[in-house]
Amino acid sequence: MRHSWSSIWLLVLTSATVNALHFYLDANQKRCFIEELPTDTVVEGSYRALEWVEDKQMYSENEELGIVVQVVESESGDTVVKTTGPSQGKFTFTSHDAGDHSICLSTNFTSWFSHNHIRLYLDIVVGTSKPDVEHDRKHVSGLAAKVRDLNEKLEDIRREQQYQREREADYRDLSEATNTRAVWYSVAQIVVLIATCTWQLRHLKRFFEDRKMR
């Protein structure tokens, strides 16, 4: 394992998106990048590997060249992704826990005597966190429960207002009836008073007439 781990480079990606990053490695080497990720964050990566051709004195594509991508959670050591693709491809993974994640790339050439030189272009895009469907469902359920509670309270307020309006109407009718009875009672008292006065006056008139005739 000396030939594969002795030359590991650890680079910290300081930006959310790395564009047109390229580096060099030998066929038996591995390059690793450390990316700090929040929980449930989608990461998309694309790469393109070119092999040095001595005869042409240039880097060119090799159909036999494959790239091994391995993503490991630094704290737990759990492997999130381990896949082997062609010389040009993409990979995607989602962080399960927050923390540092090691993104390592190597070739499928594992011979100790292989001296192929590789230029690797890498583009890593850290996306937004995945929507927490369960949390959203609970949040929506909580909002729905609150809306139901508000509707019930509004219905209670409406019934209370209706009851108060009915009581106000009953009180108004009772007040009008009481006022009407009070008016008629006053009229009756006046009529009785007038009748009493009239009777007393007539009685006194007869009394004085009888005295006068004697």
N, C-alpha and C. Protein backbone atom coordinates (compact mmCIF):
# COMPACT_ATOMS: atom_id res chain seq x y z
N MET A 1 0.82 -1.20 0.00
CA MET A 1 0.00 0.00 0.00
C MET A 1 0.86 1.26 0.00
N ARG A 2 2.17 1.12 0.12
CA ARG A 2 3.03 2.30 0.17
C ARG A 2 2.92 3.12 -1.09
N HIS A 3 2.81 2.42 -2.24
CA HIS A 3 2.81 3.14 -3.51
C HIS A 3 1.51 3.92 -3.68
N SER A 4 0.43 3.57 -2.98
CA SER A 4 -0.85 4.24 -3.18
C SER A 4 -1.13 5.31 -2.14
N TRP A 5 -0.52 5.21 -0.97
CA TRP A 5 -0.85 6.16 0.10
C TRP A 5 0.28 7.13 0.42
N SER A 6 1.47 6.82 0.02
CA SER A 6 2.59 7.69 0.40
C SER A 6 2.52 9.03 -0.27
N SER A 7 1.77 9.13 -1.36
CA SER A 7 1.74 10.40 -2.11
C SER A 7 0.35 11.03 -2.12
N ILE A 8 -0.46 10.71 -1.09
CA ILE A 8 -1.80 11.31 -1.04
C ILE A 8 -1.69 12.79 -0.72
N TRP A 9 -2.39 13.59 -1.47
CA TRP A 9 -2.46 15.02 -1.23
C TRP A 9 -3.82 15.33 -0.64
N LEU A 10 -3.83 16.11 0.40
CA LEU A 10 -5.08 16.54 1.01
C LEU A 10 -5.24 18.02 0.76
N LEU A 11 -6.22 18.36 -0.03
CA LEU A 11 -6.49 19.75 -0.37
C LEU A 11 -7.85 20.12 0.18
N VAL A 12 -7.92 21.25 0.84
CA VAL A 12 -9.19 21.71 1.38
C VAL A 12 -9.86 22.60 0.37
N LEU A 13 -11.06 22.23 -0.04
CA LEU A 13 -11.81 23.04 -0.99
C LEU A 13 -12.51 24.15 -0.22
N THR A 14 -12.12 25.37 -0.47
CA THR A 14 -12.65 26.48 0.30
C THR A 14 -13.86 27.11 -0.32
N SER A 15 -14.20 26.76 -1.53
CA SER A 15 -15.36 27.35 -2.17
C SER A 15 -16.39 26.27 -2.42
N ALA A 16 -17.63 26.69 -2.57
CA ALA A 16 -18.71 25.75 -2.79
C ALA A 16 -18.59 25.10 -4.16
N THR A 17 -18.04 25.79 -5.14
CA THR A 17 -17.92 25.25 -6.48
C THR A 17 -16.48 25.40 -6.95
N VAL A 18 -15.89 24.31 -7.43
CA VAL A 18 -14.52 24.35 -7.94
C VAL A 18 -14.60 24.16 -9.44
N ASN A 19 -14.19 25.14 -10.19
CA ASN A 19 -14.28 25.09 -11.64
C ASN A 19 -12.88 24.95 -12.24
N ALA A 20 -12.75 24.07 -13.24
CA ALA A 20 -11.52 23.92 -14.03
C ALA A 20 -10.30 23.65 -13.17
N LEU A 21 -10.50 22.95 -12.08
CA LEU A 21 -9.36 22.52 -11.27
C LEU A 21 -8.71 21.31 -11.94
N HIS A 22 -7.40 21.33 -12.07
CA HIS A 22 -6.71 20.17 -12.63
C HIS A 22 -5.44 19.92 -11.84
N PHE A 23 -5.04 18.66 -11.81
CA PHE A 23 -3.84 18.26 -11.09
C PHE A 23 -3.26 17.03 -11.79
N TYR A 24 -2.08 16.63 -11.34
CA TYR A 24 -1.37 15.51 -11.97
C TYR A 24 -1.18 14.40 -10.95
N LEU A 25 -1.19 13.19 -11.43
CA LEU A 25 -0.91 12.04 -10.59
C LEU A 25 -0.38 10.91 -11.44
N ASP A 26 0.37 10.04 -10.80
CA ASP A 26 0.85 8.84 -11.49
C ASP A 26 -0.22 7.77 -11.39
N ALA A 27 -0.07 6.75 -12.17
CA ALA A 27 -1.09 5.71 -12.25
C ALA A 27 -1.31 5.02 -10.92
N ASN A 28 -0.30 4.96 -10.07
CA ASN A 28 -0.42 4.26 -8.80
C ASN A 28 -0.59 5.22 -7.62
N GLN A 29 -1.01 6.43 -7.91
CA GLN A 29 -1.20 7.43 -6.86
C GLN A 29 -2.69 7.75 -6.67
N LYS A 30 -2.95 8.42 -5.56
CA LYS A 30 -4.31 8.83 -5.22
C LYS A 30 -4.27 10.27 -4.73
N ARG A 31 -5.25 11.03 -5.18
CA ARG A 31 -5.38 12.42 -4.72
C ARG A 31 -6.70 12.54 -3.96
N CYS A 32 -6.65 13.20 -2.80
CA CYS A 32 -7.83 13.35 -1.96
C CYS A 32 -8.09 14.83 -1.67
N PHE A 33 -9.35 15.16 -1.58
CA PHE A 33 -9.80 16.51 -1.27
C PHE A 33 -10.72 16.44 -0.05
N ILE A 34 -10.56 17.38 0.84
CA ILE A 34 -11.41 17.44 2.04
C ILE A 34 -12.45 18.53 1.85
N GLU A 35 -13.70 18.15 1.98
CA GLU A 35 -14.81 19.09 1.84
C GLU A 35 -15.69 19.02 3.08
N GLU A 36 -15.88 20.14 3.74
CA GLU A 36 -16.77 20.18 4.91
C GLU A 36 -18.20 20.41 4.42
N LEU A 37 -19.08 19.51 4.78
CA LEU A 37 -20.45 19.52 4.26
C LEU A 37 -21.46 19.51 5.40
N PRO A 38 -22.57 20.21 5.22
CA PRO A 38 -23.67 20.06 6.17
C PRO A 38 -24.39 18.73 5.95
N THR A 39 -25.32 18.44 6.81
CA THR A 39 -26.10 17.21 6.67
C THR A 39 -27.03 17.29 5.46
N ASP A 40 -27.19 16.15 4.79
CA ASP A 40 -28.11 16.01 3.66
C ASP A 40 -27.83 17.05 2.57
N THR A 41 -26.58 17.17 2.19
CA THR A 41 -26.18 18.09 1.13
C THR A 41 -25.77 17.30 -0.11
N VAL A 42 -26.30 17.71 -1.24
CA VAL A 42 -26.01 17.03 -2.50
C VAL A 42 -24.71 17.59 -3.10
N VAL A 43 -23.82 16.70 -3.47
CA VAL A 43 -22.55 17.08 -4.10
C VAL A 43 -22.47 16.40 -5.46
N GLU A 44 -22.19 17.17 -6.48
CA GLU A 44 -22.04 16.65 -7.84
C GLU A 44 -20.62 16.93 -8.32
N GLY A 45 -20.03 15.92 -8.89
CA GLY A 45 -18.66 16.08 -9.40
C GLY A 45 -18.54 15.53 -10.82
N SER A 46 -17.71 16.17 -11.60
CA SER A 46 -17.41 15.69 -12.95
C SER A 46 -15.90 15.75 -13.14
N TYR A 47 -15.39 14.81 -13.90
CA TYR A 47 -13.94 14.72 -14.08
C TYR A 47 -13.62 14.31 -15.52
N ARG A 48 -12.36 14.56 -15.88
CA ARG A 48 -11.86 14.14 -17.19
C ARG A 48 -10.37 13.85 -17.04
N ALA A 49 -9.99 12.65 -17.39
CA ALA A 49 -8.59 12.23 -17.22
C ALA A 49 -7.92 12.07 -18.58
N LEU A 50 -6.70 12.60 -18.69
CA LEU A 50 -5.89 12.46 -19.90
C LEU A 50 -4.56 11.82 -19.53
N GLU A 51 -4.10 10.92 -20.38
CA GLU A 51 -2.85 10.21 -20.13
C GLU A 51 -1.73 10.75 -21.02
N TRP A 52 -0.55 10.86 -20.44
CA TRP A 52 0.60 11.35 -21.21
C TRP A 52 1.07 10.28 -22.18
N VAL A 53 1.14 10.71 -23.44
CA VAL A 53 1.62 9.81 -24.49
C VAL A 53 3.02 10.28 -24.89
N GLU A 54 4.00 9.43 -24.61
CA GLU A 54 5.38 9.82 -24.84
C GLU A 54 5.67 10.06 -26.32
N ASP A 55 5.10 9.20 -27.16
CA ASP A 55 5.38 9.34 -28.60
C ASP A 55 4.87 10.66 -29.15
N LYS A 56 3.68 11.07 -28.69
CA LYS A 56 3.07 12.30 -29.20
C LYS A 56 3.48 13.52 -28.39
N GLN A 57 4.12 13.26 -27.23
CA GLN A 57 4.51 14.35 -26.34
C GLN A 57 3.31 15.25 -25.99
N MET A 58 2.24 14.59 -25.62
CA MET A 58 1.02 15.33 -25.25
C MET A 58 0.10 14.41 -24.42
N TYR A 59 -0.87 15.05 -23.77
CA TYR A 59 -1.86 14.30 -23.02
C TYR A 59 -3.06 14.01 -23.93
N SER A 60 -3.53 12.79 -23.91
CA SER A 60 -4.68 12.42 -24.73
C SER A 60 -5.52 11.39 -24.00
N GLU A 61 -6.69 11.13 -24.53
CA GLU A 61 -7.62 10.20 -23.90
C GLU A 61 -7.17 8.76 -24.13
N ASN A 62 -7.47 7.94 -23.14
CA ASN A 62 -7.17 6.51 -23.22
C ASN A 62 -8.44 5.76 -22.80
N GLU A 63 -9.01 4.98 -23.71
CA GLU A 63 -10.25 4.29 -23.41
C GLU A 63 -10.08 3.24 -22.32
N GLU A 64 -8.88 2.76 -22.13
CA GLU A 64 -8.64 1.75 -21.10
C GLU A 64 -8.46 2.38 -19.72
N LEU A 65 -8.29 3.69 -19.70
CA LEU A 65 -8.08 4.37 -18.42
C LEU A 65 -9.41 4.51 -17.69
N GLY A 66 -9.44 4.13 -16.44
CA GLY A 66 -10.63 4.29 -15.60
C GLY A 66 -10.28 5.08 -14.35
N ILE A 67 -11.27 5.75 -13.81
CA ILE A 67 -11.09 6.57 -12.62
C ILE A 67 -11.90 5.99 -11.47
N VAL A 68 -11.24 5.81 -10.35
CA VAL A 68 -11.90 5.30 -9.14
C VAL A 68 -12.21 6.49 -8.23
N VAL A 69 -13.48 6.65 -7.89
CA VAL A 69 -13.92 7.74 -7.00
C VAL A 69 -14.38 7.11 -5.69
N GLN A 70 -13.82 7.60 -4.61
CA GLN A 70 -14.20 7.10 -3.29
C GLN A 70 -14.42 8.29 -2.35
N VAL A 71 -15.58 8.31 -1.69
CA VAL A 71 -15.91 9.37 -0.75
C VAL A 71 -16.08 8.73 0.62
N VAL A 72 -15.36 9.27 1.61
CA VAL A 72 -15.38 8.70 2.96
C VAL A 72 -15.67 9.82 3.95
N GLU A 73 -16.54 9.53 4.91
CA GLU A 73 -16.76 10.47 6.01
C GLU A 73 -15.55 10.43 6.93
N SER A 74 -14.90 11.57 7.10
CA SER A 74 -13.64 11.59 7.83
C SER A 74 -13.80 11.17 9.28
N GLU A 75 -14.87 11.58 9.92
CA GLU A 75 -15.03 11.31 11.34
C GLU A 75 -15.37 9.84 11.61
N SER A 76 -16.34 9.32 10.87
CA SER A 76 -16.78 7.94 11.11
C SER A 76 -16.00 6.91 10.31
N GLY A 77 -15.40 7.34 9.20
CA GLY A 77 -14.69 6.40 8.35
C GLY A 77 -15.60 5.60 7.43
N ASP A 78 -16.88 5.95 7.42
CA ASP A 78 -17.82 5.23 6.56
C ASP A 78 -17.64 5.66 5.10
N THR A 79 -17.74 4.69 4.21
CA THR A 79 -17.62 4.97 2.78
C THR A 79 -18.99 5.37 2.23
N VAL A 80 -19.08 6.57 1.70
CA VAL A 80 -20.33 7.06 1.12
C VAL A 80 -20.48 6.60 -0.32
N VAL A 81 -19.40 6.73 -1.08
CA VAL A 81 -19.40 6.34 -2.50
C VAL A 81 -18.08 5.67 -2.82
N LYS A 82 -18.15 4.58 -3.59
CA LYS A 82 -16.95 3.99 -4.16
C LYS A 82 -17.34 3.41 -5.52
N THR A 83 -16.86 4.05 -6.57
CA THR A 83 -17.26 3.64 -7.91
C THR A 83 -16.09 3.81 -8.87
N THR A 84 -16.10 3.00 -9.92
CA THR A 84 -15.10 3.10 -10.98
C THR A 84 -15.79 3.46 -12.28
N GLY A 85 -15.35 4.54 -12.90
CA GLY A 85 -15.95 5.01 -14.13
C GLY A 85 -14.93 5.14 -15.23
N PRO A 86 -15.35 5.58 -16.39
CA PRO A 86 -14.44 5.78 -17.52
C PRO A 86 -13.52 6.97 -17.27
N SER A 87 -12.75 7.29 -18.26
CA SER A 87 -11.80 8.40 -18.11
C SER A 87 -12.51 9.75 -18.00
N GLN A 88 -13.74 9.81 -18.43
CA GLN A 88 -14.52 11.04 -18.30
C GLN A 88 -15.91 10.66 -17.79
N GLY A 89 -16.30 11.24 -16.70
CA GLY A 89 -17.60 10.88 -16.13
C GLY A 89 -18.01 11.81 -15.01
N LYS A 90 -19.08 11.41 -14.32
CA LYS A 90 -19.63 12.21 -13.23
C LYS A 90 -19.93 11.31 -12.04
N PHE A 91 -20.05 11.93 -10.87
CA PHE A 91 -20.46 11.21 -9.68
C PHE A 91 -21.28 12.16 -8.81
N THR A 92 -22.16 11.57 -8.04
CA THR A 92 -23.05 12.34 -7.17
C THR A 92 -23.21 11.58 -5.85
N PHE A 93 -23.22 12.32 -4.76
CA PHE A 93 -23.49 11.70 -3.47
C PHE A 93 -24.15 12.73 -2.55
N THR A 94 -24.71 12.22 -1.48
CA THR A 94 -25.38 13.05 -0.49
C THR A 94 -24.77 12.79 0.88
N SER A 95 -24.38 13.84 1.55
CA SER A 95 -23.78 13.69 2.88
C SER A 95 -24.86 13.28 3.88
N HIS A 96 -24.56 12.24 4.65
CA HIS A 96 -25.51 11.77 5.65
C HIS A 96 -25.32 12.49 6.99
N ASP A 97 -24.08 12.84 7.29
CA ASP A 97 -23.78 13.54 8.54
C ASP A 97 -22.96 14.78 8.22
N ALA A 98 -23.07 15.77 9.06
CA ALA A 98 -22.29 16.99 8.88
C ALA A 98 -20.83 16.73 9.27
N GLY A 99 -19.92 17.38 8.56
CA GLY A 99 -18.51 17.23 8.87
C GLY A 99 -17.66 17.13 7.63
N ASP A 100 -16.38 16.81 7.83
CA ASP A 100 -15.44 16.69 6.71
C ASP A 100 -15.67 15.40 5.95
N HIS A 101 -15.60 15.51 4.63
CA HIS A 101 -15.72 14.35 3.74
C HIS A 101 -14.49 14.32 2.84
N SER A 102 -13.86 13.15 2.75
CA SER A 102 -12.68 12.97 1.92
C SER A 102 -13.10 12.43 0.55
N ILE A 103 -12.82 13.21 -0.49
CA ILE A 103 -13.14 12.82 -1.87
C ILE A 103 -11.83 12.44 -2.55
N CYS A 104 -11.66 11.16 -2.81
CA CYS A 104 -10.40 10.65 -3.36
C CYS A 104 -10.60 10.13 -4.77
N LEU A 105 -9.60 10.39 -5.62
CA LEU A 105 -9.60 9.91 -7.00
C LEU A 105 -8.29 9.21 -7.30
N SER A 106 -8.40 8.10 -8.00
CA SER A 106 -7.23 7.35 -8.43
C SER A 106 -7.56 6.65 -9.74
N THR A 107 -6.57 6.03 -10.35
CA THR A 107 -6.79 5.33 -11.62
C THR A 107 -7.00 3.85 -11.37
N ASN A 108 -7.45 3.16 -12.39
CA ASN A 108 -7.61 1.71 -12.28
C ASN A 108 -6.32 0.96 -12.61
N PHE A 109 -5.24 1.70 -12.85
CA PHE A 109 -3.94 1.07 -13.07
C PHE A 109 -3.30 0.80 -11.71
N THR A 110 -3.19 -0.45 -11.33
CA THR A 110 -2.68 -0.78 -10.00
C THR A 110 -1.33 -1.48 -10.04
N SER A 111 -0.74 -1.56 -11.22
CA SER A 111 0.56 -2.25 -11.32
C SER A 111 1.64 -1.43 -10.64
N TRP A 112 2.52 -2.11 -9.90
CA TRP A 112 3.62 -1.43 -9.24
C TRP A 112 4.60 -0.82 -10.23
N PHE A 113 4.62 -1.41 -11.41
CA PHE A 113 5.60 -0.96 -12.40
C PHE A 113 5.00 0.00 -13.42
N SER A 114 3.76 0.40 -13.18
CA SER A 114 3.11 1.33 -14.10
C SER A 114 3.59 2.74 -13.81
N HIS A 115 4.01 3.44 -14.86
CA HIS A 115 4.51 4.80 -14.70
C HIS A 115 3.72 5.79 -15.55
N ASN A 116 2.43 5.50 -15.76
CA ASN A 116 1.60 6.40 -16.54
C ASN A 116 1.39 7.70 -15.78
N HIS A 117 1.50 8.80 -16.51
CA HIS A 117 1.27 10.11 -15.92
C HIS A 117 -0.11 10.61 -16.37
N ILE A 118 -0.89 11.05 -15.42
CA ILE A 118 -2.29 11.43 -15.68
C ILE A 118 -2.51 12.90 -15.32
N ARG A 119 -3.19 13.59 -16.21
CA ARG A 119 -3.70 14.93 -15.89
C ARG A 119 -5.20 14.79 -15.68
N LEU A 120 -5.66 15.23 -14.53
CA LEU A 120 -7.07 15.04 -14.16
C LEU A 120 -7.73 16.39 -13.93
N TYR A 121 -8.80 16.64 -14.69
CA TYR A 121 -9.61 17.83 -14.51
C TYR A 121 -10.80 17.48 -13.61
N LEU A 122 -11.05 18.31 -12.65
CA LEU A 122 -12.11 18.01 -11.67
C LEU A 122 -12.95 19.25 -11.41
N ASP A 123 -14.24 19.03 -11.39
CA ASP A 123 -15.20 20.11 -11.09
C ASP A 123 -16.16 19.56 -10.05
N ILE A 124 -16.18 20.17 -8.88
CA ILE A 124 -17.07 19.74 -7.79
C ILE A 124 -18.03 20.87 -7.47
N VAL A 125 -19.30 20.54 -7.45
CA VAL A 125 -20.35 21.51 -7.13
C VAL A 125 -21.08 21.04 -5.89
N VAL A 126 -21.05 21.86 -4.87
CA VAL A 126 -21.78 21.56 -3.63
C VAL A 126 -23.13 22.24 -3.72
N GLY A 127 -24.16 21.44 -3.77
CA GLY A 127 -25.51 21.99 -3.92
C GLY A 127 -26.12 22.32 -2.58
N THR A 128 -27.41 22.67 -2.66
CA THR A 128 -28.15 23.00 -1.45
C THR A 128 -28.54 21.72 -0.72
N SER A 129 -28.91 21.88 0.50
CA SER A 129 -29.34 20.73 1.29
C SER A 129 -30.61 20.14 0.72
N LYS A 130 -30.72 18.84 0.83
CA LYS A 130 -31.92 18.16 0.35
C LYS A 130 -33.11 18.55 1.22
N PRO A 131 -34.26 18.69 0.62
CA PRO A 131 -35.43 19.01 1.43
C PRO A 131 -35.77 17.86 2.37
N ASP A 132 -35.97 18.22 3.61
CA ASP A 132 -36.37 17.22 4.61
C ASP A 132 -37.86 17.00 4.48
N VAL A 133 -38.22 15.95 3.71
CA VAL A 133 -39.63 15.72 3.42
C VAL A 133 -40.41 15.45 4.69
N GLU A 134 -39.82 14.64 5.57
CA GLU A 134 -40.53 14.31 6.81
C GLU A 134 -40.73 15.55 7.66
N HIS A 135 -39.67 16.38 7.73
CA HIS A 135 -39.80 17.62 8.50
C HIS A 135 -40.84 18.53 7.89
N ASP A 136 -40.81 18.64 6.54
CA ASP A 136 -41.80 19.48 5.86
C ASP A 136 -43.21 18.95 6.10
N ARG A 137 -43.34 17.60 6.06
CA ARG A 137 -44.66 17.02 6.29
C ARG A 137 -45.15 17.34 7.70
N LYS A 138 -44.24 17.20 8.68
CA LYS A 138 -44.61 17.52 10.06
C LYS A 138 -44.93 19.00 10.20
N HIS A 139 -44.13 19.84 9.49
CA HIS A 139 -44.37 21.28 9.56
C HIS A 139 -45.73 21.63 8.98
N VAL A 140 -46.04 21.01 7.80
CA VAL A 140 -47.34 21.26 7.18
C VAL A 140 -48.46 20.75 8.07
N SER A 141 -48.25 19.57 8.68
CA SER A 141 -49.27 19.03 9.59
C SER A 141 -49.47 19.96 10.78
N GLY A 142 -48.34 20.49 11.29
CA GLY A 142 -48.45 21.44 12.40
C GLY A 142 -49.20 22.70 12.00
N LEU A 143 -48.90 23.21 10.80
CA LEU A 143 -49.61 24.39 10.31
C LEU A 143 -51.09 24.09 10.11
N ALA A 144 -51.38 22.90 9.58
CA ALA A 144 -52.78 22.52 9.37
C ALA A 144 -53.51 22.44 10.70
N ALA A 145 -52.83 21.88 11.72
CA ALA A 145 -53.45 21.80 13.05
C ALA A 145 -53.71 23.20 13.61
N LYS A 146 -52.74 24.10 13.41
CA LYS A 146 -52.93 25.46 13.89
C LYS A 146 -54.07 26.16 13.16
N VAL A 147 -54.16 25.90 11.84
CA VAL A 147 -55.25 26.49 11.06
C VAL A 147 -56.59 25.96 11.56
N ARG A 148 -56.64 24.65 11.84
CA ARG A 148 -57.89 24.08 12.38
C ARG A 148 -58.24 24.70 13.71
N ASP A 149 -57.23 24.88 14.57
CA ASP A 149 -57.49 25.51 15.88
C ASP A 149 -58.01 26.93 15.70
N LEU A 150 -57.39 27.67 14.77
CA LEU A 150 -57.84 29.03 14.52
C LEU A 150 -59.27 29.04 13.98
N ASN A 151 -59.59 28.10 13.08
CA ASN A 151 -60.95 28.03 12.55
C ASN A 151 -61.95 27.72 13.65
N GLU A 152 -61.56 26.80 14.55
CA GLU A 152 -62.47 26.47 15.66
C GLU A 152 -62.66 27.67 16.58
N LYS A 153 -61.56 28.40 16.85
CA LYS A 153 -61.69 29.59 17.69
C LYS A 153 -62.54 30.66 17.01
N LEU A 154 -62.34 30.83 15.70
CA LEU A 154 -63.16 31.80 14.97
C LEU A 154 -64.63 31.38 14.98
N GLU A 155 -64.88 30.08 14.88
CA GLU A 155 -66.26 29.59 14.93
C GLU A 155 -66.86 29.85 16.32
N ASP A 156 -66.06 29.63 17.36
CA ASP A 156 -66.53 29.92 18.72
C ASP A 156 -66.84 31.41 18.88
N ILE A 157 -65.94 32.25 18.34
CA ILE A 157 -66.17 33.70 18.42
C ILE A 157 -67.43 34.08 17.66
N ARG A 158 -67.63 33.46 16.48
CA ARG A 158 -68.83 33.76 15.69
C ARG A 158 -70.10 33.36 16.44
N ARG A 159 -70.07 32.17 17.07
CA ARG A 159 -71.24 31.74 17.85
C ARG A 159 -71.48 32.65 19.04
N GLU A 160 -70.38 33.07 19.69
CA GLU A 160 -70.53 33.97 20.84
C GLU A 160 -71.12 35.32 20.40
N GLN A 161 -70.64 35.83 19.25
CA GLN A 161 -71.19 37.08 18.74
C GLN A 161 -72.67 36.93 18.37
N GLN A 162 -73.01 35.80 17.75
CA GLN A 162 -74.41 35.55 17.42
C GLN A 162 -75.27 35.48 18.68
N TYR A 163 -74.74 34.81 19.70
CA TYR A 163 -75.47 34.72 20.97
C TYR A 163 -75.65 36.08 21.61
N GLN A 164 -74.58 36.90 21.56
CA GLN A 164 -74.69 38.25 22.13
C GLN A 164 -75.69 39.09 21.36
N ARG A 165 -75.71 38.94 20.01
CA ARG A 165 -76.70 39.68 19.22
C ARG A 165 -78.12 39.24 19.57
N GLU A 166 -78.30 37.95 19.76
CA GLU A 166 -79.63 37.46 20.13
C GLU A 166 -80.03 37.97 21.51
N ARG A 167 -79.09 37.94 22.45
CA ARG A 167 -79.40 38.48 23.79
C ARG A 167 -79.70 39.97 23.73
N GLU A 168 -78.93 40.68 22.91
CA GLU A 168 -79.18 42.12 22.77
C GLU A 168 -80.57 42.38 22.19
N ALA A 169 -80.96 41.55 21.20
CA ALA A 169 -82.30 41.70 20.62
C ALA A 169 -83.38 41.39 21.65
N ASP A 170 -83.16 40.32 22.43
CA ASP A 170 -84.14 39.98 23.48
C ASP A 170 -84.23 41.08 24.52
N TYR A 171 -83.08 41.63 24.90
CA TYR A 171 -83.08 42.70 25.89
C TYR A 171 -83.77 43.95 25.35
N ARG A 172 -83.54 44.24 24.06
CA ARG A 172 -84.20 45.38 23.44
C ARG A 172 -85.71 45.20 23.40
N ASP A 173 -86.13 43.98 23.02
CA ASP A 173 -87.58 43.71 23.01
C ASP A 173 -88.17 43.82 24.41
N LEU A 174 -87.43 43.28 25.41
CA LEU A 174 -87.93 43.36 26.79
C LEU A 174 -88.00 44.81 27.26
N SER A 175 -86.98 45.60 26.90
CA SER A 175 -86.97 47.01 27.30
C SER A 175 -88.13 47.76 26.66
N GLU A 176 -88.36 47.50 25.36
CA GLU A 176 -89.49 48.16 24.70
C GLU A 176 -90.82 47.75 25.31
N ALA A 177 -90.96 46.46 25.61
CA ALA A 177 -92.20 46.01 26.24
C ALA A 177 -92.38 46.64 27.61
N THR A 178 -91.30 46.72 28.38
CA THR A 178 -91.37 47.32 29.72
C THR A 178 -91.72 48.80 29.62
N ASN A 179 -91.10 49.49 28.66
CA ASN A 179 -91.42 50.92 28.48
C ASN A 179 -92.88 51.10 28.08
N THR A 180 -93.35 50.22 27.21
CA THR A 180 -94.75 50.32 26.77
C THR A 180 -95.71 50.10 27.95
N ARG A 181 -95.42 49.07 28.75
CA ARG A 181 -96.26 48.83 29.92
C ARG A 181 -96.19 49.99 30.90
N ALA A 182 -94.98 50.58 31.05
CA ALA A 182 -94.85 51.72 31.97
C ALA A 182 -95.67 52.89 31.47
N VAL A 183 -95.69 53.13 30.15
CA VAL A 183 -96.49 54.23 29.60
C VAL A 183 -97.97 53.99 29.84
N TRP A 184 -98.43 52.78 29.54
CA TRP A 184 -99.85 52.48 29.75
C TRP A 184 -100.21 52.53 31.23
N TYR A 185 -99.29 52.12 32.09
CA TYR A 185 -99.55 52.21 33.52
C TYR A 185 -99.68 53.67 33.95
N SER A 186 -98.83 54.52 33.42
CA SER A 186 -98.92 55.95 33.74
C SER A 186 -100.23 56.53 33.23
N VAL A 187 -100.62 56.16 32.01
CA VAL A 187 -101.89 56.64 31.47
C VAL A 187 -103.05 56.17 32.33
N ALA A 188 -102.99 54.89 32.76
CA ALA A 188 -104.05 54.36 33.61
C ALA A 188 -104.12 55.12 34.93
N GLN A 189 -102.95 55.42 35.49
CA GLN A 189 -102.93 56.19 36.75
C GLN A 189 -103.55 57.58 36.56
N ILE A 190 -103.21 58.20 35.44
CA ILE A 190 -103.78 59.54 35.18
C ILE A 190 -105.30 59.45 35.03
N VAL A 191 -105.78 58.44 34.30
CA VAL A 191 -107.22 58.27 34.10
C VAL A 191 -107.91 58.04 35.44
N VAL A 192 -107.32 57.17 36.27
CA VAL A 192 -107.90 56.89 37.59
C VAL A 192 -107.90 58.16 38.44
N LEU A 193 -106.79 58.90 38.36
CA LEU A 193 -106.70 60.14 39.14
C LEU A 193 -107.75 61.14 38.69
N ILE A 194 -107.91 61.29 37.37
CA ILE A 194 -108.92 62.22 36.85
C ILE A 194 -110.33 61.77 37.27
N ALA A 195 -110.58 60.47 37.17
CA ALA A 195 -111.90 59.95 37.55
C ALA A 195 -112.16 60.17 39.03
N THR A 196 -111.12 59.93 39.84
CA THR A 196 -111.27 60.13 41.29
C THR A 196 -111.55 61.59 41.61
N CYS A 197 -110.80 62.46 40.97
CA CYS A 197 -111.02 63.90 41.21
C CYS A 197 -112.43 64.32 40.78
N THR A 198 -112.85 63.82 39.64
CA THR A 198 -114.20 64.15 39.14
C THR A 198 -115.27 63.65 40.10
N TRP A 199 -115.11 62.44 40.59
CA TRP A 199 -116.09 61.88 41.54
C TRP A 199 -116.11 62.67 42.82
N GLN A 200 -114.91 63.07 43.33
CA GLN A 200 -114.86 63.83 44.57
C GLN A 200 -115.50 65.22 44.40
N LEU A 201 -115.22 65.83 43.24
CA LEU A 201 -115.82 67.14 42.99
C LEU A 201 -117.35 67.06 42.94
N ARG A 202 -117.88 66.07 42.29
CA ARG A 202 -119.32 65.90 42.20
C ARG A 202 -119.90 65.60 43.58
N HIS A 203 -119.18 64.77 44.35
CA HIS A 203 -119.65 64.46 45.69
C HIS A 203 -119.67 65.71 46.57
N LEU A 204 -118.63 66.51 46.50
CA LEU A 204 -118.60 67.74 47.29
C LEU A 204 -119.67 68.73 46.84
N LYS A 205 -119.91 68.76 45.54
CA LYS A 205 -120.95 69.67 45.03
C LYS A 205 -122.32 69.29 45.59
N ARG A 206 -122.64 67.98 45.59
CA ARG A 206 -123.92 67.54 46.14
C ARG A 206 -123.98 67.85 47.65
N PHE A 207 -122.86 67.65 48.33
CA PHE A 207 -122.82 67.90 49.78
C PHE A 207 -123.15 69.35 50.11
N PHE A 208 -122.53 70.26 49.38
CA PHE A 208 -122.79 71.67 49.65
C PHE A 208 -124.20 72.07 49.22
N GLU A 209 -124.70 71.48 48.14
CA GLU A 209 -126.10 71.79 47.71
C GLU A 209 -127.10 71.32 48.75
N ASP A 210 -126.85 70.14 49.32
CA ASP A 210 -127.76 69.63 50.37
C ASP A 210 -127.70 70.54 51.59
N ARG A 211 -126.56 71.02 51.97
CA ARG A 211 -126.43 71.92 53.13
C ARG A 211 -127.13 73.24 52.89
N LYS A 212 -127.04 73.67 51.69
CA LYS A 212 -127.63 74.97 51.34
C LYS A 212 -129.17 74.90 51.36
N MET A 213 -129.71 73.81 50.95
CA MET A 213 -131.16 73.64 50.90
C MET A 213 -131.71 73.50 52.33
N ARG A 214 -131.02 73.10 53.29
CA ARG A 214 -131.47 72.99 54.63
C ARG A 214 -131.41 74.37 55.29
